[in-house]
Structures are given as structure tokens and as C-alpha cells.
């Protein structure tokens, strides 16, 4: 009886070791994906940094444009 149980145990152990092997592969793949995600996040933050610069430049242009419009409004109309 004990030998039969031991035989079952060895089969279970073999199956478990196979599953563990799969898990290690999955873990490796996941870590690779996480590495890619960190690269993507870095790239995105770089893009966001660029966007904030562009937004600042745009607001500067908008301010300059509004100043030009104000000057045009304040200037008296020429007599026709």
C-alpha cells in the first residue's frame, strides 16, 4: 500500500515540478513585459516633458498675439 502511495506521490511531484517550470517561464516573460513597460513609461514622460515645453511656448505666443490685438484696438482709425 505504501509503495502505491509513494508511486502516486512521485507522479504528483513530477507534475508539480513541470508546473513550477512553466511558472518560472511565465515569470521571466512577465518581467520582460514589465521592463518594456518601464521603457514605455520613460518615453511617455519624455513626450509629456516636450508637451509642457510646447504648451509654455504656445501660451507665450498667445500672450504676444493678444498684445498685438490690443495695440490694434487702441490705435485710432485713420480718417477716410
Protein backbone atom coordinates (compact mmCIF):
# COMPACT_ATOMS: atom_id res chain seq x y z
CA UNK A 1 0.00 0.00 0.00
CA UNK A 2 2.79 2.42 0.95
CA UNK A 3 4.64 1.73 -2.31
CA UNK A 4 1.46 2.57 -4.29
CA UNK A 5 1.11 5.86 -2.35
CA UNK A 6 4.79 6.63 -2.91
CA UNK A 7 4.33 5.99 -6.64
CA UNK A 8 1.41 8.46 -6.72
CA UNK A 9 3.44 10.98 -4.74
CA UNK A 10 6.31 10.77 -7.21
CA UNK A 11 3.87 11.37 -10.10
CA UNK A 12 2.38 14.35 -8.29
CA UNK A 13 5.87 15.66 -7.56
CA UNK A 14 6.84 15.34 -11.24
CA UNK A 15 3.65 17.17 -12.29
CA UNK A 16 4.31 19.90 -9.73
CA UNK A 17 7.87 20.36 -10.93
CA UNK A 18 6.53 20.71 -14.51
CA UNK A 19 4.07 23.37 -13.33
CA UNK A 20 6.86 25.15 -11.45
CA UNK A 21 8.95 25.14 -14.62
CA UNK A 22 6.05 26.76 -16.51
CA UNK A 23 5.66 29.31 -13.73
CA UNK A 24 9.32 30.30 -13.97
CA UNK A 25 8.91 30.80 -17.75
CA UNK A 26 5.79 32.91 -17.19
CA UNK A 27 7.61 34.93 -14.54
CA UNK A 28 10.51 35.56 -16.91
CA UNK A 29 8.10 36.65 -19.65
CA UNK A 30 6.27 38.93 -17.22
CA UNK A 31 9.49 40.56 -16.09
CA UNK A 32 10.37 41.17 -19.76
CA UNK A 33 6.97 42.83 -20.27
CA UNK A 34 7.50 44.92 -17.13
CA UNK A 35 10.87 46.01 -18.47
CA UNK A 36 9.18 47.09 -21.72
CA UNK A 37 6.53 48.95 -19.71
CA UNK A 38 9.18 50.89 -17.80
CA UNK A 39 10.79 51.87 -21.13
CA UNK A 40 7.42 52.98 -22.50
CA UNK A 41 6.74 54.94 -19.32
CA UNK A 42 10.10 56.69 -19.62
CA UNK A 43 9.39 57.53 -23.27
CA UNK A 44 5.93 58.83 -22.35
CA UNK A 45 7.33 61.04 -19.61
CA UNK A 46 9.82 62.44 -22.15
CA UNK A 47 6.93 63.19 -24.52
CA UNK A 48 5.00 64.81 -21.68
CA UNK A 49 8.01 66.96 -20.90
CA UNK A 50 8.10 68.04 -24.55
CA UNK A 51 4.37 68.77 -24.42
CA UNK A 52 4.78 71.03 -21.39
CA UNK A 53 7.53 72.96 -23.24
CA UNK A 54 5.31 73.29 -26.31
CA UNK A 55 2.40 74.43 -24.14
CA UNK A 56 4.57 77.08 -22.48
CA UNK A 57 5.77 78.30 -25.89
CA UNK A 58 2.18 78.39 -27.18
CA UNK A 59 0.98 80.42 -24.21
CA UNK A 60 3.85 82.86 -24.84
CA UNK A 61 2.74 83.21 -28.48
CA UNK A 62 -0.89 83.64 -27.40
CA UNK A 63 0.09 86.41 -24.98
CA UNK A 64 2.07 88.16 -27.70
CA UNK A 65 -0.85 87.85 -30.11
CA UNK A 66 -3.30 89.31 -27.60
CA UNK A 67 -0.89 92.22 -27.05
CA UNK A 68 -0.79 92.88 -30.81
CA UNK A 69 -4.62 92.80 -30.95
CA UNK A 70 -4.85 95.26 -28.04
CA UNK A 71 -2.42 97.66 -29.77
CA UNK A 72 -4.50 97.49 -32.97
CA UNK A 73 -7.69 98.27 -30.99
CA UNK A 74 -6.09 101.21 -29.14
CA UNK A 75 -4.71 102.81 -32.33
CA UNK A 76 -7.19 105.38 -33.70
CA UNK A 77 -8.85 104.58 -37.02
CA UNK A 78 -7.47 106.58 -39.97
CA UNK A 79 -9.88 109.14 -41.42
CA UNK A 80 -11.15 108.02 -44.75
